[in-house]
Every structure is written in C-alpha cells, then in structure tokens.
Protein backbone atom coordinates (compact mmCIF):
# COMPACT_ATOMS: atom_id res chain seq x y z
CA MET A 1 0.00 0.00 0.00
CA ASP A 2 2.81 2.39 0.92
CA ASN A 3 4.45 1.68 -2.42
CA MET A 4 1.25 2.68 -4.17
CA VAL A 5 1.09 6.16 -2.63
CA PRO A 6 3.89 7.75 -4.73
CA GLY A 7 2.36 6.28 -7.88
CA VAL A 8 -1.08 7.60 -6.98
CA MET A 9 0.37 11.03 -6.23
CA GLN A 10 2.20 11.09 -9.57
CA LEU A 11 -1.05 10.14 -11.30
CA VAL A 12 -2.89 12.95 -9.51
CA ASP A 13 -0.16 15.44 -10.41
CA GLY A 14 -0.24 14.28 -14.01
CA MET A 15 -4.03 14.64 -14.17
CA LYS A 16 -3.74 18.13 -12.70
CA MET A 17 -1.15 19.11 -15.32
CA ILE A 18 -3.41 17.86 -18.11
CA TRP A 19 -6.31 19.78 -16.58
CA ASP A 20 -4.23 22.97 -16.33
CA ILE A 21 -3.23 22.74 -19.99
CA GLY A 22 -6.82 22.10 -21.07
CA ALA A 23 -8.09 24.96 -18.91
CA GLY A 24 -5.60 27.38 -20.44
CA ASN A 25 -3.52 27.74 -17.26
CA ARG A 26 -0.46 26.69 -19.19
CA GLU A 27 0.71 27.60 -22.69
CA GLY A 28 3.17 25.63 -24.78
CA VAL A 29 6.59 27.18 -25.41
CA SER A 30 7.12 27.63 -29.15
CA GLY A 31 9.58 25.43 -31.02
CA VAL A 32 12.13 28.21 -31.54
CA ASP A 33 11.95 29.40 -27.91
CA THR A 34 12.23 25.79 -26.71
CA ALA A 35 15.39 25.45 -28.77
CA TRP A 36 16.96 28.44 -26.97
CA LEU A 37 15.76 27.11 -23.62
CA ARG A 38 17.47 23.77 -24.18
CA MET A 39 20.71 25.37 -25.38
CA ASP A 40 21.60 26.18 -21.76
CA ARG A 41 24.90 24.66 -20.72
CA ARG A 42 26.87 25.43 -17.59
CA THR A 43 29.69 26.62 -19.85
CA ASN A 44 27.33 28.80 -21.93
CA LEU A 45 24.26 30.22 -20.22
CA MET A 46 21.58 31.47 -22.60
CA MET A 47 21.14 34.89 -20.99
CA ILE A 48 21.09 38.26 -22.71
CA VAL A 49 22.84 40.63 -20.30
CA GLY A 50 22.52 44.42 -20.50
CA VAL A 51 23.65 47.33 -18.37
CA LEU A 52 22.32 50.89 -18.14
CA MET A 53 24.62 53.46 -16.51
CA PHE A 54 22.98 56.53 -14.94
CA GLU A 55 24.39 60.00 -14.29
CA ASP A 56 22.84 60.25 -10.82
CA ARG A 57 21.87 57.90 -8.00
CA MET A 58 18.81 55.85 -8.88
CA ASP A 59 15.86 56.01 -6.49
CA TYR A 60 14.91 52.41 -5.67
CA GLU A 61 11.18 53.05 -5.21
CA ARG A 62 10.89 54.97 -8.49
CA LEU A 63 12.69 52.16 -10.31
CA ARG A 64 10.43 49.58 -8.71
CA ALA A 65 7.36 51.54 -9.83
CA VAL A 66 8.65 51.66 -13.42
CA LEU A 67 9.20 47.89 -13.44
CA GLU A 68 5.73 47.28 -12.03
CA GLU A 69 4.03 49.57 -14.51
CA ARG A 70 5.97 48.92 -17.71
CA PHE A 71 8.11 45.77 -17.57
CA LEU A 72 5.41 43.64 -15.94
CA HIS A 73 2.89 44.80 -18.53
CA TYR A 74 4.35 41.87 -20.43
CA GLU A 75 2.52 39.04 -18.73
CA ARG A 76 5.18 36.62 -19.89
CA PHE A 77 7.67 38.00 -17.33
CA LYS A 78 5.41 36.78 -14.52
CA GLN A 79 5.62 33.26 -15.90
CA ARG A 80 8.12 30.49 -15.36
CA VAL A 81 8.90 27.50 -17.56
CA VAL A 82 7.76 24.03 -16.47
CA LYS A 83 8.60 20.76 -18.15
CA ILE A 84 5.93 18.10 -18.57
CA GLY A 85 7.26 14.97 -20.18
CA ALA A 86 9.33 16.11 -23.14
CA SER A 87 7.44 19.39 -23.57
CA HIS A 88 7.87 22.84 -22.01
CA TYR A 89 5.09 25.19 -20.94
CA TRP A 90 4.68 28.75 -19.69
CA GLU A 91 2.98 28.82 -16.29
CA ASN A 92 2.07 31.72 -14.01
CA ASP A 93 4.43 31.72 -11.04
CA PRO A 94 2.12 31.30 -8.01
CA GLN A 95 4.79 32.82 -5.75
CA PHE A 96 5.70 35.70 -8.05
CA ALA A 97 7.00 38.80 -6.27
CA LEU A 98 9.05 41.60 -7.84
CA GLN A 99 11.44 41.70 -4.88
CA ASN A 100 12.60 38.22 -5.88
CA HIS A 101 13.85 39.68 -9.16
CA LEU A 102 15.19 43.09 -8.10
CA GLN A 103 18.35 43.13 -6.01
CA VAL A 104 20.36 46.09 -4.68
CA ILE A 105 24.16 45.79 -4.82
CA ASP A 106 26.84 48.05 -3.35
CA LEU A 107 30.23 47.72 -4.98
CA PRO A 108 33.27 48.18 -2.73
CA GLY A 109 35.00 51.55 -2.57
CA ASP A 110 34.76 54.18 -5.30
CA ALA A 111 33.38 51.84 -7.94
CA GLY A 112 34.28 52.53 -11.56
CA LYS A 113 34.31 50.75 -14.92
CA ALA A 114 36.62 47.91 -13.83
CA GLU A 115 34.49 47.08 -10.79
CA LEU A 116 31.27 47.10 -12.86
CA GLU A 117 32.87 44.89 -15.52
CA ASN A 118 33.84 42.39 -12.80
CA LEU A 119 30.28 42.38 -11.44
CA VAL A 120 28.78 41.89 -14.90
CA SER A 121 31.25 39.03 -15.48
CA ASP A 122 30.17 37.38 -12.21
CA LEU A 123 26.47 37.72 -13.02
CA THR A 124 26.94 36.48 -16.59
CA SER A 125 28.58 33.34 -15.15
CA THR A 126 25.74 32.74 -12.63
CA PRO A 127 22.66 30.70 -13.63
CA LEU A 128 19.17 32.10 -13.13
CA ASP A 129 16.79 30.48 -10.62
CA GLN A 130 14.96 27.80 -12.62
CA SER A 131 12.05 27.69 -10.15
CA ARG A 132 11.09 31.29 -10.97
CA PRO A 133 10.66 33.42 -14.10
CA LEU A 134 14.05 33.49 -15.80
CA TRP A 135 15.09 37.12 -15.39
CA HIS A 136 16.74 39.31 -12.77
CA PHE A 137 17.62 43.01 -12.33
CA HIS A 138 20.54 44.18 -10.18
CA LEU A 139 20.66 47.83 -9.10
CA VAL A 140 24.19 49.05 -8.38
CA GLU A 141 23.65 52.16 -6.27
CA ASN A 142 27.25 53.42 -6.24
CA TYR A 143 28.72 53.41 -9.73
CA ASN A 144 30.93 56.27 -10.98
CA GLY A 145 29.08 58.90 -8.94
CA GLY A 146 25.72 57.59 -10.13
CA SER A 147 24.12 54.16 -10.45
CA ALA A 148 23.91 51.23 -12.86
CA LEU A 149 21.24 48.66 -13.62
CA VAL A 150 22.28 45.18 -14.80
CA ALA A 151 19.53 43.12 -16.47
CA ARG A 152 19.72 39.38 -17.10
CA ILE A 153 16.95 37.83 -19.21
CA HIS A 154 16.90 34.31 -20.61
CA HIS A 155 16.95 34.05 -24.39
CA CYS A 156 13.82 31.86 -24.38
CA TYR A 157 11.72 34.97 -23.62
CA ALA A 158 12.83 37.00 -26.61
CA ASP A 159 15.65 37.93 -28.96
CA GLY A 160 17.96 40.92 -28.58
CA ILE A 161 15.92 43.25 -30.79
CA SER A 162 12.78 42.58 -28.75
CA LEU A 163 14.49 42.88 -25.36
CA ILE A 164 16.11 46.19 -26.33
CA ARG A 165 12.61 47.44 -27.15
CA VAL A 166 11.34 46.14 -23.80
CA LEU A 167 14.07 48.03 -21.94
CA LEU A 168 13.41 51.16 -23.98
CA SER A 169 9.71 50.92 -23.13
CA MET A 170 10.75 51.60 -19.53
CA THR A 171 12.48 54.85 -20.50
CA ASP A 172 11.35 58.37 -21.41
CA GLY A 173 12.67 61.14 -23.63
CA SER A 174 12.92 63.57 -20.72
CA PRO A 175 13.33 63.49 -16.90
CA LEU A 176 9.56 63.84 -16.56
CA PRO A 177 7.84 60.45 -16.98
CA GLU A 178 5.69 60.17 -20.08
CA ARG A 179 2.28 58.57 -20.14
CA LYS A 180 2.88 55.14 -21.63
CA LYS A 181 0.06 53.46 -23.48
CA GLY A 182 -0.88 50.17 -21.83
CA ARG A 183 -0.50 46.80 -23.53
CA ARG A 184 -2.78 43.84 -23.72
CA THR A 185 -1.39 41.37 -21.23
CA HIS A 186 -3.07 38.10 -22.14
CA HIS A 187 -0.65 35.31 -22.95
CA LEU A 188 -1.49 34.92 -26.63
CA ASP A 189 -0.39 38.50 -27.27
CA GLU A 190 3.23 37.37 -27.16
CA HIS A 191 2.98 33.96 -28.83
CA HIS A 192 -0.21 33.27 -30.73
CA HIS A 193 0.48 30.26 -32.95
CA ASP A 194 -2.18 29.62 -35.55
CA ASP A 195 -1.97 28.94 -39.28
CA SER A 196 -1.63 32.62 -40.08
CA ASP A 197 1.19 33.18 -37.62
CA TYR A 198 4.38 34.53 -39.16
CA MET A 199 6.68 31.96 -37.58
CA THR A 200 4.54 29.05 -38.72
CA ARG A 201 4.40 30.36 -42.27
CA LEU A 202 8.12 31.07 -42.26
CA TYR A 203 9.55 27.79 -41.09
CA ARG A 204 6.94 25.41 -42.50
CA PRO A 205 8.27 25.70 -46.10
CA VAL A 206 11.81 24.83 -44.97
CA ALA A 207 10.93 22.32 -42.25
CA SER A 208 10.96 19.44 -44.70
CA ALA A 209 14.32 20.45 -46.11
CA VAL A 210 15.78 20.91 -42.64
CA ASN A 211 14.44 17.58 -41.40
CA LYS A 212 15.94 15.79 -44.37
CA ALA A 213 19.18 17.71 -43.92
CA MET A 214 19.31 16.37 -40.35
CA LYS A 215 18.70 12.85 -41.67
CA THR A 216 21.52 13.41 -44.13
CA TYR A 217 23.79 14.43 -41.26
CA TRP A 218 22.99 11.22 -39.39
CA ASP A 219 23.82 9.29 -42.56
CA VAL A 220 27.20 11.00 -42.56
CA VAL A 221 27.75 10.06 -38.93
CA GLU A 222 26.88 6.44 -39.67
CA GLY A 223 29.19 6.44 -42.66
CA ALA A 224 26.42 5.72 -45.17
CA VAL A 225 26.92 8.86 -47.23
CA ASP A 226 29.99 11.03 -47.74
CA ILE A 227 28.62 14.46 -48.63
CA ALA A 228 32.08 15.94 -48.82
CA LYS A 229 32.69 13.71 -51.83
CA LYS A 230 29.14 13.82 -53.19
CA PRO A 231 27.53 17.18 -52.32
CA SER A 232 24.97 16.60 -55.07
CA LYS A 233 23.23 14.16 -52.69
CA LEU A 234 21.70 17.17 -50.95
CA MET A 235 19.93 18.33 -54.09
CA LYS A 236 17.10 15.86 -53.75
CA TYR A 237 16.27 17.11 -50.24
CA SER A 238 15.18 20.52 -51.39
CA HIS A 239 11.71 21.43 -52.63
CA HIS A 240 12.68 25.08 -52.99
CA GLY A 241 15.15 25.28 -55.82
CA ILE A 242 18.87 25.06 -56.32
CA GLY A 243 19.58 28.09 -54.10
CA MET A 244 18.30 26.53 -50.88
CA ALA A 245 19.89 23.16 -51.63
CA SER A 246 23.19 24.89 -52.32
CA ASP A 247 23.07 26.77 -49.01
CA LEU A 248 22.15 23.57 -47.16
CA ALA A 249 25.15 21.86 -48.71
CA LYS A 250 27.38 24.82 -47.86
CA VAL A 251 26.39 24.88 -44.19
CA LEU A 252 26.48 21.14 -43.63
CA THR A 253 29.76 20.52 -45.43
CA MET A 254 31.77 23.54 -44.36
CA PRO A 255 34.80 22.47 -42.28
CA ASN A 256 35.07 23.19 -38.57
CA ASP A 257 36.76 26.44 -37.60
CA PRO A 258 40.52 26.21 -37.01
CA LYS A 259 41.95 25.95 -33.51
CA THR A 260 43.05 29.38 -32.27
CA LYS A 261 43.41 31.19 -28.96
CA PHE A 262 39.68 31.89 -29.28
CA LYS A 263 38.51 28.29 -29.64
CA GLY A 264 38.95 25.37 -27.26
CA LYS A 265 37.70 23.85 -24.01
CA LEU A 266 35.29 26.17 -22.20
CA SER A 267 35.08 26.94 -18.49
CA THR A 268 32.13 28.19 -16.43
CA ARG A 269 33.63 31.67 -16.04
CA LYS A 270 32.94 34.54 -18.45
CA ARG A 271 34.71 37.89 -18.80
CA CYS A 272 32.66 40.90 -19.97
CA VAL A 273 34.22 44.23 -21.00
CA TRP A 274 33.36 47.20 -23.18
CA ALA A 275 35.41 49.74 -25.12
CA ASP A 276 35.50 53.53 -25.25
CA PRO A 277 32.84 54.58 -27.79
CA LEU A 278 33.45 55.59 -31.39
CA SER A 279 31.79 58.63 -32.97
CA LEU A 280 28.89 57.46 -35.13
CA PRO A 281 29.13 60.48 -37.51
CA GLU A 282 32.83 59.73 -38.07
CA VAL A 283 32.08 56.08 -38.85
CA LYS A 284 29.34 57.18 -41.26
CA HIS A 285 31.68 59.62 -43.04
CA VAL A 286 34.43 57.02 -43.43
CA GLY A 287 31.96 54.45 -44.72
CA LYS A 288 30.51 56.91 -47.23
CA ALA A 289 33.95 57.99 -48.43
CA LEU A 290 35.00 54.38 -48.96
CA GLY A 291 31.70 53.28 -50.49
CA CYS A 292 30.96 50.88 -47.62
CA THR A 293 28.26 50.48 -44.99
CA ILE A 294 28.70 51.27 -41.30
CA ASN A 295 28.55 47.53 -40.60
CA ASP A 296 31.37 46.87 -43.07
CA VAL A 297 33.57 49.41 -41.30
CA LEU A 298 32.78 48.14 -37.80
CA ILE A 299 33.27 44.45 -38.66
CA SER A 300 36.58 45.33 -40.33
CA CYS A 301 37.68 47.02 -37.08
CA VAL A 302 36.65 43.95 -35.11
CA THR A 303 38.59 41.68 -37.46
CA GLY A 304 41.70 43.85 -37.20
CA ALA A 305 41.51 43.84 -33.40
CA LEU A 306 41.25 40.04 -33.30
CA ARG A 307 44.18 39.78 -35.71
CA GLY A 308 46.35 42.06 -33.56
CA TYR A 309 45.58 40.08 -30.41
CA LEU A 310 46.48 36.76 -32.03
CA ILE A 311 49.75 38.09 -33.41
CA GLU A 312 50.69 39.46 -29.99
CA ARG A 313 50.00 36.02 -28.50
CA GLY A 314 52.25 34.30 -31.03
CA GLN A 315 49.51 32.91 -33.29
CA HIS A 316 50.33 32.34 -36.97
CA VAL A 317 47.70 34.35 -38.87
CA ASP A 318 48.77 34.18 -42.55
CA GLY A 319 45.72 33.06 -44.52
CA LEU A 320 43.73 32.57 -41.31
CA GLU A 321 39.94 32.89 -41.36
CA ILE A 322 37.51 32.36 -38.49
CA ARG A 323 33.73 32.40 -38.70
CA ALA A 324 31.26 34.48 -36.74
CA THR A 325 27.58 33.64 -36.55
CA VAL A 326 25.67 36.85 -37.24
CA PRO A 327 22.00 37.14 -36.17
CA VAL A 328 19.71 38.44 -38.90
CA ASN A 329 16.55 40.20 -37.78
CA MET A 330 13.51 38.50 -39.35
CA ARG A 331 10.86 40.08 -37.14
CA PRO A 332 7.90 41.39 -39.18
CA GLU A 333 6.59 44.87 -38.52
CA HIS A 334 3.39 43.65 -36.85
CA LYS A 335 5.48 41.65 -34.33
CA MET A 336 7.74 44.51 -33.27
CA ASP A 337 6.06 44.86 -29.86
CA SER A 338 5.92 41.12 -29.19
CA LEU A 339 8.27 38.85 -27.32
CA GLY A 340 9.72 35.65 -28.77
CA ASN A 341 12.65 34.90 -31.06
CA TYR A 342 12.37 36.00 -34.68
CA PHE A 343 15.85 35.89 -36.16
CA GLY A 344 18.01 33.65 -38.29
CA LEU A 345 21.77 33.16 -38.36
CA VAL A 346 24.39 33.40 -41.08
CA PHE A 347 28.05 32.40 -41.05
CA LEU A 348 30.46 35.26 -41.83
CA SER A 349 34.12 34.40 -42.42
CA LEU A 350 36.38 37.06 -40.91
CA PRO A 351 39.59 37.46 -42.98
CA ILE A 352 42.04 37.58 -40.06
CA GLY A 353 44.92 36.81 -42.43
CA ILE A 354 44.56 40.07 -44.42
CA GLU A 355 46.95 42.69 -43.05
CA ASN A 356 46.02 45.74 -45.13
CA PRO A 357 42.97 47.40 -43.47
CA PHE A 358 41.46 48.52 -46.78
CA GLU A 359 41.86 45.19 -48.48
CA ARG A 360 40.28 43.61 -45.40
CA LEU A 361 37.41 46.11 -45.46
CA TYR A 362 36.52 45.45 -49.10
CA GLU A 363 36.76 41.70 -48.62
CA ILE A 364 34.27 41.95 -45.75
CA GLN A 365 32.02 44.13 -47.90
CA LYS A 366 32.03 41.46 -50.62
CA ARG A 367 31.24 38.66 -48.17
CA MET A 368 28.44 40.61 -46.52
CA GLY A 369 26.93 41.23 -49.95
CA GLU A 370 27.01 37.51 -50.73
CA LEU A 371 25.23 36.66 -47.48
CA LYS A 372 22.37 39.04 -48.25
CA ASN A 373 21.36 36.83 -51.16
CA SER A 374 21.64 33.51 -49.32
CA TYR A 375 19.02 31.31 -47.64
CA GLU A 376 21.20 30.70 -44.57
CA ALA A 377 19.20 32.90 -42.17
CA VAL A 378 15.87 31.30 -43.12
CA LEU A 379 17.35 27.81 -42.89
CA ALA A 380 18.81 28.54 -39.45
CA LEU A 381 15.46 29.79 -38.19
CA GLY A 382 13.74 26.72 -39.59
CA LEU A 383 16.38 24.48 -38.05
CA LEU A 384 15.81 26.04 -34.61
CA ALA A 385 12.05 25.57 -34.92
CA VAL A 386 12.39 21.94 -35.98
CA CYS A 387 15.03 21.16 -33.33
CA GLY A 388 12.85 22.72 -30.63
CA MET A 389 10.14 20.20 -31.46
CA ALA A 390 12.52 17.25 -31.85
CA PRO A 391 14.03 15.16 -29.03
CA ASN A 392 16.72 17.01 -27.09
CA VAL A 393 19.45 14.63 -28.29
CA VAL A 394 18.74 15.75 -31.88
CA GLU A 395 19.02 19.42 -30.92
CA GLN A 396 22.26 18.92 -28.98
CA THR A 397 23.79 17.00 -31.88
CA ALA A 398 22.78 19.69 -34.37
CA LEU A 399 24.07 22.37 -31.99
CA SER A 400 27.46 20.70 -31.67
CA LEU A 401 27.63 20.27 -35.45
CA LEU A 402 26.89 23.93 -36.20
CA THR A 403 28.82 25.64 -33.40
CA ALA A 404 31.98 23.70 -34.26
CA LYS A 405 31.95 25.68 -37.51
CA ALA A 406 32.19 29.09 -35.77
CA THR A 407 34.44 30.86 -33.27
CA SER A 408 32.29 33.80 -32.20
CA VAL A 409 28.86 35.41 -32.24
CA LEU A 410 28.72 38.94 -33.64
CA THR A 411 25.63 41.13 -33.33
CA ASN A 412 24.80 44.77 -34.01
CA VAL A 413 21.73 46.43 -32.45
CA PRO A 414 20.68 50.05 -33.08
CA GLY A 415 19.94 52.03 -29.93
CA PRO A 416 18.32 55.42 -29.25
CA LYS A 417 19.67 58.44 -31.13
CA GLU A 418 18.72 60.85 -28.34
CA ALA A 419 19.30 60.75 -24.58
CA ILE A 420 16.84 58.62 -22.62
CA TYR A 421 15.75 58.63 -18.97
CA MET A 422 14.59 55.90 -16.63
CA ALA A 423 12.71 56.80 -13.46
CA GLY A 424 13.74 60.42 -14.06
CA ASN A 425 17.45 59.53 -14.25
CA LYS A 426 19.46 60.16 -17.44
CA VAL A 427 21.09 57.13 -19.04
CA ALA A 428 24.72 58.14 -19.55
CA ASP A 429 25.71 54.96 -21.35
CA CYS A 430 24.48 51.44 -22.08
CA MET A 431 25.82 48.11 -23.27
CA PHE A 432 24.71 44.50 -23.72
CA TRP A 433 26.36 41.13 -24.23
CA VAL A 434 25.15 38.38 -26.53
CA PRO A 435 25.26 34.78 -25.27
CA GLN A 436 27.17 32.06 -27.09
CA SER A 437 25.84 28.59 -27.76
CA GLY A 438 27.43 25.16 -27.92
CA ASP A 439 31.22 25.34 -27.87
CA ILE A 440 31.53 28.97 -29.01
CA GLY A 441 33.57 30.97 -26.51
CA MET A 442 33.39 34.58 -27.70
CA GLY A 443 30.59 37.09 -28.25
CA ILE A 444 31.00 40.53 -29.84
CA SER A 445 28.23 43.10 -29.39
CA ILE A 446 27.84 46.48 -31.09
CA LEU A 447 25.30 49.03 -29.83
CA SER A 448 24.70 52.63 -30.87
CA TYR A 449 23.47 55.31 -28.45
CA GLN A 450 23.45 59.11 -28.67
CA GLU A 451 25.57 59.33 -31.82
CA HIS A 452 28.18 56.95 -30.41
CA ILE A 453 28.98 53.30 -31.09
CA GLN A 454 29.85 51.01 -28.21
CA PHE A 455 31.69 47.68 -28.50
CA GLY A 456 31.14 44.93 -25.95
CA LEU A 457 33.09 41.68 -25.70
CA MET A 458 32.38 38.48 -23.77
CA THR A 459 35.04 35.76 -23.65
CA ASP A 460 35.59 32.50 -21.84
CA SER A 461 38.25 33.04 -19.18
CA ASN A 462 39.87 29.72 -20.05
CA LEU A 463 40.51 30.94 -23.61
CA VAL A 464 40.85 34.72 -23.34
CA PRO A 465 41.37 35.84 -19.73
CA ASP A 466 42.25 39.38 -20.87
CA PRO A 467 39.50 40.55 -23.29
CA GLU A 468 40.44 44.17 -22.57
CA ALA A 469 43.55 43.53 -24.70
CA ILE A 470 41.20 42.95 -27.66
CA ILE A 471 38.63 45.64 -26.96
CA SER A 472 41.30 48.33 -26.58
CA ARG A 473 42.36 47.77 -30.20
CA PHE A 474 39.03 48.74 -31.80
CA GLN A 475 39.72 52.48 -31.62
CA GLY A 476 43.14 52.10 -33.24
CA GLU A 477 41.75 49.96 -36.05
CA PHE A 478 39.16 52.60 -36.86
CA GLU A 479 41.75 55.38 -36.75
CA LYS A 480 43.79 53.57 -39.39
CA LEU A 481 40.83 53.85 -41.75
CA LEU A 482 39.94 57.38 -40.68
CA PHE A 483 43.38 59.01 -40.97
CA SER A 484 44.29 57.18 -44.17
CA THR A 485 41.01 58.29 -45.75
CA LEU A 486 41.59 61.91 -44.71
CA MET A 487 45.01 61.84 -46.40
CA GLU A 488 43.48 61.09 -49.79
CA PRO A 489 42.59 63.84 -52.32
CA TRP A 490 38.87 64.61 -52.06
CA ASP A 491 38.51 65.37 -55.78
CA GLU A 492 39.83 61.98 -56.97
CA PRO A 493 38.34 58.46 -56.76
CA PHE A 494 39.48 56.53 -53.73
CA ASP A 495 42.36 54.15 -54.51
CA PRO A 496 43.07 51.60 -51.75
CA LYS A 497 46.38 50.60 -53.41
CA LYS A 498 47.58 54.21 -53.26
CA VAL A 499 46.60 54.39 -49.59
CA GLU A 500 48.59 51.21 -48.97
CA ARG A 501 51.64 52.83 -50.57
CA ASP A 502 51.11 55.97 -48.47
CA ILE A 503 50.93 53.92 -45.27
CA GLU A 504 54.15 52.07 -46.20
CA TRP A 505 55.89 55.38 -46.97
CA ILE A 506 54.85 56.86 -43.61
CA ALA A 507 56.04 53.73 -41.82
CA THR A 508 59.41 53.91 -43.63
CA GLN A 509 59.88 57.58 -42.78
CA PHE A 510 59.00 56.94 -39.15
CA SER A 511 61.43 54.01 -38.98
CA GLU A 512 64.28 56.08 -40.46
CA LYS A 513 63.69 58.87 -37.94
CA ILE A 514 63.83 56.36 -35.10
CA LYS A 515 67.14 55.02 -36.42
CA ALA A 516 68.54 58.55 -36.69
CA VAL A 517 67.60 59.25 -33.06
CA GLU A 518 69.26 56.02 -31.97
CA VAL A 519 72.50 56.95 -33.81
CA VAL A 520 72.59 60.38 -32.14
C-alpha cells in the first residue's frame, strides 16, 4: 500500500497538469523558444545581459514603480517555464513577487568601470533560478558617482531586438515620466500560434528540407553517405530550388573552424568588458567615403583587433579565417512589440589573415553582400524551430555540429539616437552582451546610443582571460581607416592601393627617424 502512494500522487499530479493545460492555465513554449531554452549549458548560459549606466543615484522606489508599470505589462515575465514529459510550458508563477527579481548591490569603494565589468562578469557566469521566471535586475547604487542597472533575461523569452525594445519601453525622452500606453497582457499577445502566424508560415516551407538535412547528417555520422565527396546528394532534399539546396550543402559541409586562442575547451567563467565609444558620424563619413556600410567598417575594425591580439599572442595568422555567426533580424513589422525569437543566423568568415585594413574592409564588404542573397538565415530559423520540437538529443547533436563551424557570435543592435531617462534619471551609457551557444567561446556586441557606437566583448576566461587587450584595439583599427582616408585627395576616386603605398611610406619615414635618433 505504501508503495502505491507515490504512484497515486504522480497520477494525480499528471491529471492536474493535463487539466491545467486544457483549462488554459499553461501555454506551450514555441519550437524556436524551446530550442533556446534547451541550449543552456553550464559553460554557456543562454542569458542576454545588459547594463544601463545613470548619471545620478537611482531612487529604488521609483525604479520599482517603473518595473511594475511597464516591464510587468508583459505578462510573460510573470511566468516560469515548467517541463511536462518532453514538452515545455509557460505557467504563471504562483509565488511571483518583484522583490525576488530586483536586487540592490553596493560595490566596494569608489566603484568605476573595472568594478562594474567584474560584477557583470560574475552575473553572466551565474545561472538564473529555474524555479522562478528566468530574469533578474541588479541595481548598483554606487557606480561612478551615479548608479547602474544590470539586467539578465533568458533568451527563451525574446531575442535581442525585442528585449532592447522592452528596456526602452521603460524609459522616457525627458526626466519627466511620459504617459505610456498600456499593452494587452493576455498570454497569446506574445505567442499566438495559428496557421496565419508569421513563424509558422516562415519555417513550415523549410521544415521538410531541414528535417531531411538532419537525416543526411545522421547518414554522414553512420558512414552511409559522404557528402564531402558527393555534395549533389543534398539536391534531392530541397523542394525550394537550387539556391536553398546549395546553401544547405554549404552549411552542412563547411569544415570546422581552425583551432586558435579563441577556440577550445570552455570553463564556467565569463569575462565581460566594453570599449571607449566611437563617434557614429565619423564612422558614417568614413563608410561613405569608402563606399561601404557602417557595418562593413565596424566588422573590419573587429577583425583587425582580433588579428592584432592573435599576433601578440604568437599565433600564426597568414591566410587565417575564423567564422562568426551573425544574427539576422527577421521580425515582421506587426510583431515589433511582441516577445519571442524572430531571427536567423548566417556564417560570416572574418579574414584575419589580411593585413592591409582597406583590403580587409573590401573583402568583408564582398562577403556581406554575398550573405544578403543567401538562404542561410531562413534555414537557421527553420532548423531552430524543428530542433525545438525534436528530441533534445537531436538538438544537442545539431548544436554541436553547427557551433563547431564558428568561433564567435557577432551582433549589431541600433539604440536610441537621443538621450533617454529611466525613473527620471538620465542614461549616460548602455551596453549589452550576446550569449554564445554550444562550444563557441566569444561574443562581440555592437550598440549605438546618442551618436556613439559602443563595443562589448564576452570571452571565456579559459581561452581569453584578458578581453580588454582585444577591446582596446578597436579604436586604433578605426583610426587607421579614418586618418588614411583623410590623407586622400577629395577630388579623386578613392584608390586603396595608393593608400597602402602611403601607409608604407609613412612607416618607412618613421622608422628612419627612429634610427637617426638612436644613432645620435
């Protein structure tokens, strides 16, 4: 009889769960969001981490009121994730209380940038409480003469674009709070999945191709098919033309990224830093003068900084390329105010081996242009949706397969052009860090705010314990492009080869002057 009690209780609990689902007390987590939920590893936590830095001390009660009124308008943030069998569901947290998610922290001494970076690194390395809604705010009351707010939100709630909008919904354009229009707070507002839903329509056409691509991968593992020798095998798996089949073949057959200082065994400790900002107007002017986009210029600077770090650490870089996975926003206009994940991923090869900054810039421009015409982002989104509905072992295998092909995650999010205020306090600066999945150990984030561009870097401490040595190089890489561009005649077409000769001439003159000083 005693042995029957646990079984009876499990049966009762199971019946209650079924009743709750039928009564609408629980809502299924979408396939894509489930995929991000299950990507959590102790070495890579799926949290988007952001920090807002304020000019003055933040009033705790005013901040609390803003969170109550604006952040918790999204009903989803009062919900936790529960697992029933192999499925995941959103469920209202019966013990929900804001104080469980808002913590006050005092940093030691006269806290500055280094102390805040250390705190962010600690929090980024700390898992969220799985028994509660997966988010947490940390108010640092004594940062740089003002305050700072660190936000940690699990990726299963939303993508970076959406979460930036959520944070901005808690701000105003002046110190005086504006009257914010209320939102509908019923659950289906964030994730209504019917036949007309954008996500369903988007990934359904590629689901068949992705499923068969996964089957093809298992054939490779079992040794039945060698796609590297016979890439044409993939053609029959596509119902959407040669383009999609070609991109499937490209992704599945691309070799793993080479072993560098940035790739290897991960630890459970992350390091988060950010750089001094660049002037957005200057970046725009350089890009326009060189016939490139702002993104081309910024990614070129990132590539140059990574190259310089590797050379300084004794890494051979001739001909070296490493890939970054770049999120591509696929959120439709009518979903801009919704939560959830609506983005795909593309693989961008960073030409680390190219020394000349202009040659590197134009190579990146060419590669970015090629990606714009590919199906990679759509396929990645479809793959996430399918994997989220497949057994976890399938997702983890696919994750390991894909992340072995990249070294970093690189994302660029546009921020406010004008100053913003939260709870009457001006935001002096802001930054965020993108999580990495699988075995990827580096994340590069770019955010614009108030006509400035901010670079953030997250690294695994086992691979790159000193990310500040990378982040400090971004400014210098941009200045190479800026000063060399300014040296060129404005009434003649830009000639990168001539600039290269000018740079070599300046370097020679500088070297000769140094030698003359040494002789004297």
